[in-house]
């Protein structure tokens, strides 16, 4: 089975890949964020508590 990810509409070079996380009670949250694979682009889309935010800084977790 072949899967493909959507092209980044901001840079048209990278693709958007999904990132997952865990909720407060440990339940998995699939596709919580989407980030562009082009490091020069930096586009990202994130969902927190039902609100969509664009362009927040993406960083590694201390956890």
C-alpha atoms as a PDB file:
ATOM      1  CA  UNK A   1       0.000   0.000   0.000  1.00  0.00           C
ATOM      2  CA  UNK A   2       1.475   3.307  -1.080  1.00  0.00           C
ATOM      3  CA  UNK A   3       0.720   6.432   0.903  1.00  0.00           C
ATOM      4  CA  UNK A   4       1.476   9.979  -0.084  1.00  0.00           C
ATOM      5  CA  UNK A   5       1.410  13.207   1.844  1.00  0.00           C
ATOM      6  CA  UNK A   6       0.111  16.569   0.600  1.00  0.00           C
ATOM      7  CA  UNK A   7       2.497  19.066  -0.939  1.00  0.00           C
ATOM      8  CA  UNK A   8       3.245  22.099   1.218  1.00  0.00           C
ATOM      9  CA  UNK A   9       1.298  25.013  -0.261  1.00  0.00           C
ATOM     10  CA  UNK A  10       3.663  27.548   1.323  1.00  0.00           C
ATOM     11  CA  UNK A  11       6.941  26.426  -0.295  1.00  0.00           C
ATOM     12  CA  UNK A  12       5.832  23.808  -2.873  1.00  0.00           C
ATOM     13  CA  UNK A  13       9.102  21.979  -2.152  1.00  0.00           C
ATOM     14  CA  UNK A  14       8.373  19.954   0.968  1.00  0.00           C
ATOM     15  CA  UNK A  15       5.464  17.746   1.909  1.00  0.00           C
ATOM     16  CA  UNK A  16       3.306  17.933   5.024  1.00  0.00           C
ATOM     17  CA  UNK A  17       3.798  15.028   7.405  1.00  0.00           C
ATOM     18  CA  UNK A  18       1.543  14.239  10.376  1.00  0.00           C
ATOM     19  CA  UNK A  19       2.709  14.171  13.989  1.00  0.00           C
ATOM     20  CA  UNK A  20       0.824  12.517  16.823  1.00  0.00           C
ATOM     21  CA  UNK A  21       0.782  13.086  20.582  1.00  0.00           C
ATOM     22  CA  UNK A  22      -0.891  11.869  23.747  1.00  0.00           C
ATOM     23  CA  UNK A  23      -3.699  13.612  25.626  1.00  0.00           C
ATOM     24  CA  UNK A  24      -3.844  14.412  29.332  1.00  0.00           C
ATOM     25  CA  UNK A  25      -5.244  10.982  30.145  1.00  0.00           C
ATOM     26  CA  UNK A  26      -2.729   9.163  27.958  1.00  0.00           C
ATOM     27  CA  UNK A  27      -5.073   8.598  25.023  1.00  0.00           C
ATOM     28  CA  UNK A  28      -3.365   8.880  21.641  1.00  0.00           C
ATOM     29  CA  UNK A  29      -4.176  11.924  19.515  1.00  0.00           C
ATOM     30  CA  UNK A  30      -3.593  11.091  15.870  1.00  0.00           C
ATOM     31  CA  UNK A  31      -2.524  13.892  13.537  1.00  0.00           C
ATOM     32  CA  UNK A  32      -2.261  16.585  16.189  1.00  0.00           C
ATOM     33  CA  UNK A  33       0.104  18.564  13.980  1.00  0.00           C
ATOM     34  CA  UNK A  34       1.297  18.709  10.381  1.00  0.00           C
ATOM     35  CA  UNK A  35       4.770  20.027   9.546  1.00  0.00           C
ATOM     36  CA  UNK A  36       6.620  20.725   6.310  1.00  0.00           C
ATOM     37  CA  UNK A  37       9.629  18.502   5.592  1.00  0.00           C
ATOM     38  CA  UNK A  38      11.547  21.451   4.110  1.00  0.00           C
ATOM     39  CA  UNK A  39      13.581  22.887   7.031  1.00  0.00           C
ATOM     40  CA  UNK A  40      13.843  26.268   5.299  1.00  0.00           C
ATOM     41  CA  UNK A  41      10.049  26.564   5.090  1.00  0.00           C
ATOM     42  CA  UNK A  42       9.007  25.905   8.690  1.00  0.00           C
ATOM     43  CA  UNK A  43       5.246  25.760   7.945  1.00  0.00           C
ATOM     44  CA  UNK A  44       3.240  23.939  10.596  1.00  0.00           C
ATOM     45  CA  UNK A  45      -0.376  23.470  11.562  1.00  0.00           C
ATOM     46  CA  UNK A  46      -1.378  22.352  15.064  1.00  0.00           C
ATOM     47  CA  UNK A  47      -4.629  21.492  16.839  1.00  0.00           C
ATOM     48  CA  UNK A  48      -4.913  22.256  20.580  1.00  0.00           C
ATOM     49  CA  UNK A  49      -8.192  21.904  22.463  1.00  0.00           C
ATOM     50  CA  UNK A  50     -10.133  22.129  19.203  1.00  0.00           C
ATOM     51  CA  UNK A  51      -8.368  25.305  18.052  1.00  0.00           C
ATOM     52  CA  UNK A  52      -6.182  25.334  14.935  1.00  0.00           C
ATOM     53  CA  UNK A  53      -3.006  27.389  15.041  1.00  0.00           C
ATOM     54  CA  UNK A  54      -0.614  28.150  12.200  1.00  0.00           C
ATOM     55  CA  UNK A  55       3.074  28.935  12.236  1.00  0.00           C
ATOM     56  CA  UNK A  56       3.963  28.261  15.852  1.00  0.00           C
ATOM     57  CA  UNK A  57       7.609  27.466  16.520  1.00  0.00           C
ATOM     58  CA  UNK A  58       8.261  23.735  16.375  1.00  0.00           C
ATOM     59  CA  UNK A  59      10.818  22.472  18.882  1.00  0.00           C
ATOM     60  CA  UNK A  60      11.912  19.254  20.537  1.00  0.00           C
ATOM     61  CA  UNK A  61      10.189  18.308  23.770  1.00  0.00           C
ATOM     62  CA  UNK A  62      12.144  18.191  27.007  1.00  0.00           C
ATOM     63  CA  UNK A  63      10.212  15.046  27.995  1.00  0.00           C
END
